[in-house]
Amino acid sequence: MVASGGYPGEYKTGFAISGLEAATNPSILLFHYATRKEGDAIVTDGGRILGVSAIGKDSTEARERAYAAVEKIQFEGMQYRKDIGII
């Protein structure tokens, strides 16, 4: 889960999100939770912005792919946990 800076408390919206195309490939699933289209840009529109999931030969590979995709996504104040998916 990629979230806005300040979430779950107060946060600002309307920040342009970059890297969505770079993060997308057949093994990556991006779930838009709090995004909106503003002109040609996709911008933040809430606290929980994107869910990023991946498919791999095992849970380790899937987790590595998901976090590699998250590293390609950027917007002002972006935050995410690094301990999700650990078994």
PDB file of N, CA and C in Angstrom:
ATOM      1  N   MET A   1       0.845  -1.173   0.000  1.00  0.00           N
ATOM      2  CA  MET A   1       0.000   0.000   0.000  1.00  0.00           C
ATOM      3  C   MET A   1       0.889   1.234   0.000  1.00  0.00           C
ATOM      4  N   VAL A   2       0.702   2.072  -0.991  1.00  0.00           N
ATOM      5  CA  VAL A   2       1.397   3.352  -1.081  1.00  0.00           C
ATOM      6  C   VAL A   2       0.441   4.413  -0.539  1.00  0.00           C
ATOM      7  N   ALA A   3       0.929   5.243   0.373  1.00  0.00           N
ATOM      8  CA  ALA A   3       0.056   6.205   1.052  1.00  0.00           C
ATOM      9  C   ALA A   3       0.620   7.618   0.971  1.00  0.00           C
ATOM     10  N   SER A   4      -0.259   8.566   1.241  1.00  0.00           N
ATOM     11  CA  SER A   4       0.124   9.977   1.301  1.00  0.00           C
ATOM     12  C   SER A   4       0.918  10.259   2.567  1.00  0.00           C
ATOM     13  N   GLY A   5       1.838  11.208   2.475  1.00  0.00           N
ATOM     14  CA  GLY A   5       2.571  11.653   3.652  1.00  0.00           C
ATOM     15  C   GLY A   5       1.585  12.166   4.694  1.00  0.00           C
ATOM     16  N   GLY A   6       1.781  11.761   5.941  1.00  0.00           N
ATOM     17  CA  GLY A   6       0.876  12.161   7.007  1.00  0.00           C
ATOM     18  C   GLY A   6      -0.226  11.161   7.293  1.00  0.00           C
ATOM     19  N   TYR A   7      -0.538  10.291   6.329  1.00  0.00           N
ATOM     20  CA  TYR A   7      -1.572   9.282   6.539  1.00  0.00           C
ATOM     21  C   TYR A   7      -1.114   8.338   7.640  1.00  0.00           C
ATOM     22  N   PRO A   8      -1.928   7.942   8.596  1.00  0.00           N
ATOM     23  CA  PRO A   8      -3.384   8.034   8.652  1.00  0.00           C
ATOM     24  C   PRO A   8      -3.908   9.319   9.270  1.00  0.00           C
ATOM     25  N   GLY A   9      -3.043  10.253   9.579  1.00  0.00           N
ATOM     26  CA  GLY A   9      -3.481  11.553  10.091  1.00  0.00           C
ATOM     27  C   GLY A   9      -3.808  12.485   8.935  1.00  0.00           C
ATOM     28  N   GLU A  10      -3.479  13.743   9.104  1.00  0.00           N
ATOM     29  CA  GLU A  10      -3.758  14.737   8.065  1.00  0.00           C
ATOM     30  C   GLU A  10      -2.785  14.590   6.908  1.00  0.00           C
ATOM     31  N   TYR A  11      -3.282  14.800   5.711  1.00  0.00           N
ATOM     32  CA  TYR A  11      -2.466  14.707   4.499  1.00  0.00           C
ATOM     33  C   TYR A  11      -3.043  15.641   3.446  1.00  0.00           C
ATOM     34  N   LYS A  12      -2.222  15.998   2.486  1.00  0.00           N
ATOM     35  CA  LYS A  12      -2.649  16.831   1.367  1.00  0.00           C
ATOM     36  C   LYS A  12      -2.864  15.960   0.147  1.00  0.00           C
ATOM     37  N   THR A  13      -3.670  16.455  -0.799  1.00  0.00           N
ATOM     38  CA  THR A  13      -3.946  15.723  -2.029  1.00  0.00           C
ATOM     39  C   THR A  13      -3.559  16.584  -3.232  1.00  0.00           C
ATOM     40  N   GLY A  14      -3.655  15.988  -4.410  1.00  0.00           N
ATOM     41  CA  GLY A  14      -3.409  16.721  -5.650  1.00  0.00           C
ATOM     42  C   GLY A  14      -1.979  16.651  -6.150  1.00  0.00           C
ATOM     43  N   PHE A  15      -1.164  15.749  -5.590  1.00  0.00           N
ATOM     44  CA  PHE A  15       0.221  15.612  -6.045  1.00  0.00           C
ATOM     45  C   PHE A  15       0.283  14.677  -7.250  1.00  0.00           C
ATOM     46  N   ALA A  16       0.988  15.109  -8.295  1.00  0.00           N
ATOM     47  CA  ALA A  16       1.144  14.288  -9.501  1.00  0.00           C
ATOM     48  C   ALA A  16       1.926  13.022  -9.176  1.00  0.00           C
ATOM     49  N   ILE A  17       1.455  11.895  -9.709  1.00  0.00           N
ATOM     50  CA  ILE A  17       2.100  10.598  -9.502  1.00  0.00           C
ATOM     51  C   ILE A  17       2.874  10.265 -10.771  1.00  0.00           C
ATOM     52  N   SER A  18       4.172   9.991 -10.615  1.00  0.00           N
ATOM     53  CA  SER A  18       4.982   9.578 -11.759  1.00  0.00           C
ATOM     54  C   SER A  18       5.418   8.136 -11.572  1.00  0.00           C
ATOM     55  N   GLY A  19       5.835   7.516 -12.671  1.00  0.00           N
ATOM     56  CA  GLY A  19       6.377   6.169 -12.618  1.00  0.00           C
ATOM     57  C   GLY A  19       5.367   5.053 -12.742  1.00  0.00           C
ATOM     58  N   LEU A  20       4.099   5.369 -12.945  1.00  0.00           N
ATOM     59  CA  LEU A  20       3.086   4.304 -13.038  1.00  0.00           C
ATOM     60  C   LEU A  20       3.346   3.387 -14.225  1.00  0.00           C
ATOM     61  N   GLU A  21       3.689   3.963 -15.362  1.00  0.00           N
ATOM     62  CA  GLU A  21       3.968   3.131 -16.539  1.00  0.00           C
ATOM     63  C   GLU A  21       5.220   2.292 -16.327  1.00  0.00           C
ATOM     64  N   ALA A  22       6.257   2.873 -15.729  1.00  0.00           N
ATOM     65  CA  ALA A  22       7.498   2.140 -15.472  1.00  0.00           C
ATOM     66  C   ALA A  22       7.281   0.999 -14.489  1.00  0.00           C
ATOM     67  N   ALA A  23       6.335   1.163 -13.574  1.00  0.00           N
ATOM     68  CA  ALA A  23       6.067   0.142 -12.555  1.00  0.00           C
ATOM     69  C   ALA A  23       5.194  -0.987 -13.073  1.00  0.00           C
ATOM     70  N   THR A  24       4.593  -0.811 -14.233  1.00  0.00           N
ATOM     71  CA  THR A  24       3.628  -1.778 -14.750  1.00  0.00           C
ATOM     72  C   THR A  24       4.293  -2.772 -15.693  1.00  0.00           C
ATOM     73  N   ASN A  25       4.037  -4.035 -15.447  1.00  0.00           N
ATOM     74  CA  ASN A  25       4.420  -5.115 -16.361  1.00  0.00           C
ATOM     75  C   ASN A  25       3.485  -6.289 -16.088  1.00  0.00           C
ATOM     76  N   PRO A  26       3.569  -7.376 -16.859  1.00  0.00           N
ATOM     77  CA  PRO A  26       2.601  -8.472 -16.682  1.00  0.00           C
ATOM     78  C   PRO A  26       2.576  -9.114 -15.297  1.00  0.00           C
ATOM     79  N   SER A  27       3.637  -8.949 -14.495  1.00  0.00           N
ATOM     80  CA  SER A  27       3.643  -9.574 -13.170  1.00  0.00           C
ATOM     81  C   SER A  27       3.196  -8.609 -12.068  1.00  0.00           C
ATOM     82  N   ILE A  28       2.893  -7.355 -12.417  1.00  0.00           N
ATOM     83  CA  ILE A  28       2.527  -6.341 -11.434  1.00  0.00           C
ATOM     84  C   ILE A  28       1.062  -5.942 -11.583  1.00  0.00           C
ATOM     85  N   LEU A  29       0.370  -5.837 -10.473  1.00  0.00           N
ATOM     86  CA  LEU A  29      -1.013  -5.374 -10.454  1.00  0.00           C
ATOM     87  C   LEU A  29      -1.069  -4.091  -9.626  1.00  0.00           C
ATOM     88  N   LEU A  30      -1.529  -2.992 -10.231  1.00  0.00           N
ATOM     89  CA  LEU A  30      -1.689  -1.724  -9.533  1.00  0.00           C
ATOM     90  C   LEU A  30      -3.172  -1.490  -9.290  1.00  0.00           C
ATOM     91  N   PHE A  31      -3.541  -1.250  -8.046  1.00  0.00           N
ATOM     92  CA  PHE A  31      -4.919  -0.970  -7.676  1.00  0.00           C
ATOM     93  C   PHE A  31      -5.011   0.493  -7.259  1.00  0.00           C
ATOM     94  N   HIS A  32      -5.778   1.263  -8.000  1.00  0.00           N
ATOM     95  CA  HIS A  32      -5.941   2.687  -7.709  1.00  0.00           C
ATOM     96  C   HIS A  32      -7.048   2.854  -6.672  1.00  0.00           C
ATOM     97  N   TYR A  33      -6.676   3.312  -5.481  1.00  0.00           N
ATOM     98  CA  TYR A  33      -7.644   3.525  -4.421  1.00  0.00           C
ATOM     99  C   TYR A  33      -8.033   4.984  -4.283  1.00  0.00           C
ATOM    100  N   ALA A  34      -7.047   5.868  -4.264  1.00  0.00           N
ATOM    101  CA  ALA A  34      -7.328   7.294  -4.062  1.00  0.00           C
ATOM    102  C   ALA A  34      -6.515   8.092  -5.069  1.00  0.00           C
ATOM    103  N   THR A  35      -6.864   7.916  -6.340  1.00  0.00           N
ATOM    104  CA  THR A  35      -6.241   8.684  -7.412  1.00  0.00           C
ATOM    105  C   THR A  35      -7.354   9.311  -8.238  1.00  0.00           C
ATOM    106  N   ARG A  36      -6.980  10.350  -8.971  1.00  0.00           N
ATOM    107  CA  ARG A  36      -7.929  10.938  -9.909  1.00  0.00           C
ATOM    108  C   ARG A  36      -7.138  11.476 -11.089  1.00  0.00           C
ATOM    109  N   LYS A  37      -7.815  11.592 -12.205  1.00  0.00           N
ATOM    110  CA  LYS A  37      -7.201  12.152 -13.400  1.00  0.00           C
ATOM    111  C   LYS A  37      -7.414  13.656 -13.376  1.00  0.00           C
ATOM    112  N   GLU A  38      -6.344  14.380 -13.606  1.00  0.00           N
ATOM    113  CA  GLU A  38      -6.391  15.839 -13.646  1.00  0.00           C
ATOM    114  C   GLU A  38      -5.642  16.249 -14.919  1.00  0.00           C
ATOM    115  N   GLY A  39      -6.389  16.531 -15.974  1.00  0.00           N
ATOM    116  CA  GLY A  39      -5.761  16.761 -17.272  1.00  0.00           C
ATOM    117  C   GLY A  39      -5.150  15.450 -17.751  1.00  0.00           C
ATOM    118  N   ASP A  40      -3.876  15.481 -18.079  1.00  0.00           N
ATOM    119  CA  ASP A  40      -3.173  14.265 -18.505  1.00  0.00           C
ATOM    120  C   ASP A  40      -2.499  13.546 -17.342  1.00  0.00           C
ATOM    121  N   ALA A  41      -2.567  14.110 -16.143  1.00  0.00           N
ATOM    122  CA  ALA A  41      -1.861  13.552 -14.986  1.00  0.00           C
ATOM    123  C   ALA A  41      -2.795  12.722 -14.112  1.00  0.00           C
ATOM    124  N   ILE A  42      -2.206  11.765 -13.421  1.00  0.00           N
ATOM    125  CA  ILE A  42      -2.877  11.034 -12.350  1.00  0.00           C
ATOM    126  C   ILE A  42      -2.344  11.649 -11.061  1.00  0.00           C
ATOM    127  N   VAL A  43      -3.247  12.063 -10.166  1.00  0.00           N
ATOM    128  CA  VAL A  43      -2.843  12.740  -8.935  1.00  0.00           C
ATOM    129  C   VAL A  43      -3.427  12.036  -7.716  1.00  0.00           C
ATOM    130  N   THR A  44      -2.846  12.325  -6.565  1.00  0.00           N
ATOM    131  CA  THR A  44      -3.327  11.755  -5.307  1.00  0.00           C
ATOM    132  C   THR A  44      -4.664  12.386  -4.938  1.00  0.00           C
ATOM    133  N   ASP A  45      -5.518  11.585  -4.295  1.00  0.00           N
ATOM    134  CA  ASP A  45      -6.846  12.084  -3.930  1.00  0.00           C
ATOM    135  C   ASP A  45      -7.335  11.470  -2.624  1.00  0.00           C
ATOM    136  N   GLY A  46      -6.411  11.155  -1.725  1.00  0.00           N
ATOM    137  CA  GLY A  46      -6.802  10.571  -0.453  1.00  0.00           C
ATOM    138  C   GLY A  46      -5.587  10.120   0.323  1.00  0.00           C
ATOM    139  N   GLY A  47      -5.794   9.215   1.278  1.00  0.00           N
ATOM    140  CA  GLY A  47      -4.717   8.723   2.123  1.00  0.00           C
ATOM    141  C   GLY A  47      -4.048   7.483   1.585  1.00  0.00           C
ATOM    142  N   ARG A  48      -4.839   6.471   1.308  1.00  0.00           N
ATOM    143  CA  ARG A  48      -4.316   5.232   0.716  1.00  0.00           C
ATOM    144  C   ARG A  48      -4.404   5.387  -0.794  1.00  0.00           C
ATOM    145  N   ILE A  49      -3.282   5.546  -1.445  1.00  0.00           N
ATOM    146  CA  ILE A  49      -3.247   5.911  -2.853  1.00  0.00           C
ATOM    147  C   ILE A  49      -3.298   4.705  -3.784  1.00  0.00           C
ATOM    148  N   LEU A  50      -2.358   3.790  -3.647  1.00  0.00           N
ATOM    149  CA  LEU A  50      -2.245   2.642  -4.549  1.00  0.00           C
ATOM    150  C   LEU A  50      -1.962   1.370  -3.774  1.00  0.00           C
ATOM    151  N   GLY A  51      -2.530   0.274  -4.244  1.00  0.00           N
ATOM    152  CA  GLY A  51      -2.133  -1.045  -3.792  1.00  0.00           C
ATOM    153  C   GLY A  51      -1.259  -1.632  -4.879  1.00  0.00           C
ATOM    154  N   VAL A  52      -0.122  -2.208  -4.506  1.00  0.00           N
ATOM    155  CA  VAL A  52       0.797  -2.788  -5.484  1.00  0.00           C
ATOM    156  C   VAL A  52       0.985  -4.253  -5.127  1.00  0.00           C
ATOM    157  N   SER A  53       0.602  -5.121  -6.049  1.00  0.00           N
ATOM    158  CA  SER A  53       0.753  -6.562  -5.860  1.00  0.00           C
ATOM    159  C   SER A  53       1.539  -7.135  -7.029  1.00  0.00           C
ATOM    160  N   ALA A  54       2.138  -8.298  -6.814  1.00  0.00           N
ATOM    161  CA  ALA A  54       2.928  -8.918  -7.873  1.00  0.00           C
ATOM    162  C   ALA A  54       2.753 -10.428  -7.850  1.00  0.00           C
ATOM    163  N   ILE A  55       3.044 -11.021  -8.971  1.00  0.00           N
ATOM    164  CA  ILE A  55       3.032 -12.471  -9.138  1.00  0.00           C
ATOM    165  C   ILE A  55       4.483 -12.915  -9.312  1.00  0.00           C
ATOM    166  N   GLY A  56       4.856 -14.013  -8.678  1.00  0.00           N
ATOM    167  CA  GLY A  56       6.200 -14.569  -8.819  1.00  0.00           C
ATOM    168  C   GLY A  56       6.172 -16.065  -8.643  1.00  0.00           C
ATOM    169  N   LYS A  57       7.317 -16.690  -8.841  1.00  0.00           N
ATOM    170  CA  LYS A  57       7.370 -18.159  -8.720  1.00  0.00           C
ATOM    171  C   LYS A  57       7.160 -18.618  -7.281  1.00  0.00           C
ATOM    172  N   ASP A  58       7.414 -17.690  -6.323  1.00  0.00           N
ATOM    173  CA  ASP A  58       7.161 -17.953  -4.914  1.00  0.00           C
ATOM    174  C   ASP A  58       6.904 -16.612  -4.220  1.00  0.00           C
ATOM    175  N   SER A  59       6.597 -16.654  -2.933  1.00  0.00           N
ATOM    176  CA  SER A  59       6.259 -15.417  -2.226  1.00  0.00           C
ATOM    177  C   SER A  59       7.437 -14.450  -2.157  1.00  0.00           C
ATOM    178  N   THR A  60       8.643 -14.970  -2.081  1.00  0.00           N
ATOM    179  CA  THR A  60       9.820 -14.095  -2.036  1.00  0.00           C
ATOM    180  C   THR A  60       9.955 -13.311  -3.329  1.00  0.00           C
ATOM    181  N   GLU A  61       9.847 -13.992  -4.454  1.00  0.00           N
ATOM    182  CA  GLU A  61       9.961 -13.303  -5.742  1.00  0.00           C
ATOM    183  C   GLU A  61       8.825 -12.307  -5.939  1.00  0.00           C
ATOM    184  N   ALA A  62       7.619 -12.679  -5.558  1.00  0.00           N
ATOM    185  CA  ALA A  62       6.479 -11.770  -5.696  1.00  0.00           C
ATOM    186  C   ALA A  62       6.692 -10.514  -4.855  1.00  0.00           C
ATOM    187  N   ARG A  63       7.138 -10.668  -3.623  1.00  0.00           N
ATOM    188  CA  ARG A  63       7.396  -9.522  -2.747  1.00  0.00           C
ATOM    189  C   ARG A  63       8.487  -8.632  -3.339  1.00  0.00           C
ATOM    190  N   GLU A  64       9.569  -9.216  -3.836  1.00  0.00           N
ATOM    191  CA  GLU A  64      10.658  -8.441  -4.445  1.00  0.00           C
ATOM    192  C   GLU A  64      10.157  -7.654  -5.654  1.00  0.00           C
ATOM    193  N   ARG A  65       9.337  -8.264  -6.473  1.00  0.00           N
ATOM    194  CA  ARG A  65       8.797  -7.578  -7.650  1.00  0.00           C
ATOM    195  C   ARG A  65       7.874  -6.431  -7.245  1.00  0.00           C
ATOM    196  N   ALA A  66       7.055  -6.650  -6.238  1.00  0.00           N
ATOM    197  CA  ALA A  66       6.135  -5.597  -5.789  1.00  0.00           C
ATOM    198  C   ALA A  66       6.914  -4.398  -5.267  1.00  0.00           C
ATOM    199  N   TYR A  67       7.915  -4.632  -4.433  1.00  0.00           N
ATOM    200  CA  TYR A  67       8.692  -3.516  -3.900  1.00  0.00           C
ATOM    201  C   TYR A  67       9.531  -2.844  -4.981  1.00  0.00           C
ATOM    202  N   ALA A  68      10.006  -3.592  -5.969  1.00  0.00           N
ATOM    203  CA  ALA A  68      10.735  -2.981  -7.086  1.00  0.00           C
ATOM    204  C   ALA A  68       9.803  -2.050  -7.859  1.00  0.00           C
ATOM    205  N   ALA A  69       8.549  -2.442  -8.027  1.00  0.00           N
ATOM    206  CA  ALA A  69       7.567  -1.582  -8.706  1.00  0.00           C
ATOM    207  C   ALA A  69       7.291  -0.331  -7.882  1.00  0.00           C
ATOM    208  N   VAL A  70       7.141  -0.482  -6.574  1.00  0.00           N
ATOM    209  CA  VAL A  70       6.887   0.671  -5.698  1.00  0.00           C
ATOM    210  C   VAL A  70       8.028   1.676  -5.802  1.00  0.00           C
ATOM    211  N   GLU A  71       9.259   1.208  -5.914  1.00  0.00           N
ATOM    212  CA  GLU A  71      10.415   2.105  -6.010  1.00  0.00           C
ATOM    213  C   GLU A  71      10.371   2.978  -7.263  1.00  0.00           C
ATOM    214  N   LYS A  72       9.619   2.586  -8.276  1.00  0.00           N
ATOM    215  CA  LYS A  72       9.510   3.358  -9.518  1.00  0.00           C
ATOM    216  C   LYS A  72       8.425   4.436  -9.449  1.00  0.00           C
ATOM    217  N   ILE A  73       7.562   4.340  -8.463  1.00  0.00           N
ATOM    218  CA  ILE A  73       6.445   5.281  -8.308  1.00  0.00           C
ATOM    219  C   ILE A  73       6.883   6.420  -7.400  1.00  0.00           C
ATOM    220  N   GLN A  74       6.502   7.637  -7.765  1.00  0.00           N
ATOM    221  CA  GLN A  74       6.887   8.793  -6.955  1.00  0.00           C
ATOM    222  C   GLN A  74       5.784   9.836  -6.929  1.00  0.00           C
ATOM    223  N   PHE A  75       5.607  10.451  -5.773  1.00  0.00           N
ATOM    224  CA  PHE A  75       4.811  11.668  -5.623  1.00  0.00           C
ATOM    225  C   PHE A  75       5.225  12.312  -4.307  1.00  0.00           C
ATOM    226  N   GLU A  76       4.975  13.591  -4.188  1.00  0.00           N
ATOM    227  CA  GLU A  76       5.386  14.328  -2.998  1.00  0.00           C
ATOM    228  C   GLU A  76       4.765  13.710  -1.749  1.00  0.00           C
ATOM    229  N   GLY A  77       5.607  13.413  -0.760  1.00  0.00           N
ATOM    230  CA  GLY A  77       5.147  12.884   0.515  1.00  0.00           C
ATOM    231  C   GLY A  77       4.857  11.395   0.532  1.00  0.00           C
ATOM    232  N   MET A  78       5.144  10.701  -0.555  1.00  0.00           N
ATOM    233  CA  MET A  78       4.839   9.269  -0.640  1.00  0.00           C
ATOM    234  C   MET A  78       5.487   8.488   0.502  1.00  0.00           C
ATOM    235  N   GLN A  79       4.726   7.570   1.053  1.00  0.00           N
ATOM    236  CA  GLN A  79       5.241   6.666   2.075  1.00  0.00           C
ATOM    237  C   GLN A  79       4.659   5.278   1.871  1.00  0.00           C
ATOM    238  N   TYR A  80       5.375   4.278   2.354  1.00  0.00           N
ATOM    239  CA  TYR A  80       4.879   2.905   2.322  1.00  0.00           C
ATOM    240  C   TYR A  80       5.670   2.084   3.340  1.00  0.00           C
ATOM    241  N   ARG A  81       5.043   1.045   3.800  1.00  0.00           N
ATOM    242  CA  ARG A  81       5.705   0.155   4.758  1.00  0.00           C
ATOM    243  C   ARG A  81       6.589  -0.814   3.997  1.00  0.00           C
ATOM    244  N   LYS A  82       7.674  -1.196   4.635  1.00  0.00           N
ATOM    245  CA  LYS A  82       8.615  -2.112   3.996  1.00  0.00           C
ATOM    246  C   LYS A  82       8.574  -3.509   4.609  1.00  0.00           C
ATOM    247  N   ASP A  83       7.616  -3.734   5.507  1.00  0.00           N
ATOM    248  CA  ASP A  83       7.543  -5.031   6.184  1.00  0.00           C
ATOM    249  C   ASP A  83       6.297  -5.829   5.779  1.00  0.00           C
ATOM    250  N   ILE A  84       5.576  -5.388   4.783  1.00  0.00           N
ATOM    251  CA  ILE A  84       4.381  -6.119   4.353  1.00  0.00           C
ATOM    252  C   ILE A  84       4.791  -7.253   3.434  1.00  0.00           C
ATOM    253  N   GLY A  85       4.130  -8.383   3.578  1.00  0.00           N
ATOM    254  CA  GLY A  85       4.417  -9.531   2.709  1.00  0.00           C
ATOM    255  C   GLY A  85       5.517 -10.426   3.229  1.00  0.00           C
ATOM    256  N   ILE A  86       6.057 -10.146   4.390  1.00  0.00           N
ATOM    257  CA  ILE A  86       7.110 -10.985   4.945  1.00  0.00           C
ATOM    258  C   ILE A  86       6.457 -12.144   5.683  1.00  0.00           C
ATOM    259  N   ILE A  87       6.897 -13.322   5.355  1.00  0.00           N
ATOM    260  CA  ILE A  87       6.315 -14.532   5.953  1.00  0.00           C
ATOM    261  C   ILE A  87       7.259 -15.085   7.005  1.00  0.00           C
TER     262      ILE A  87
END
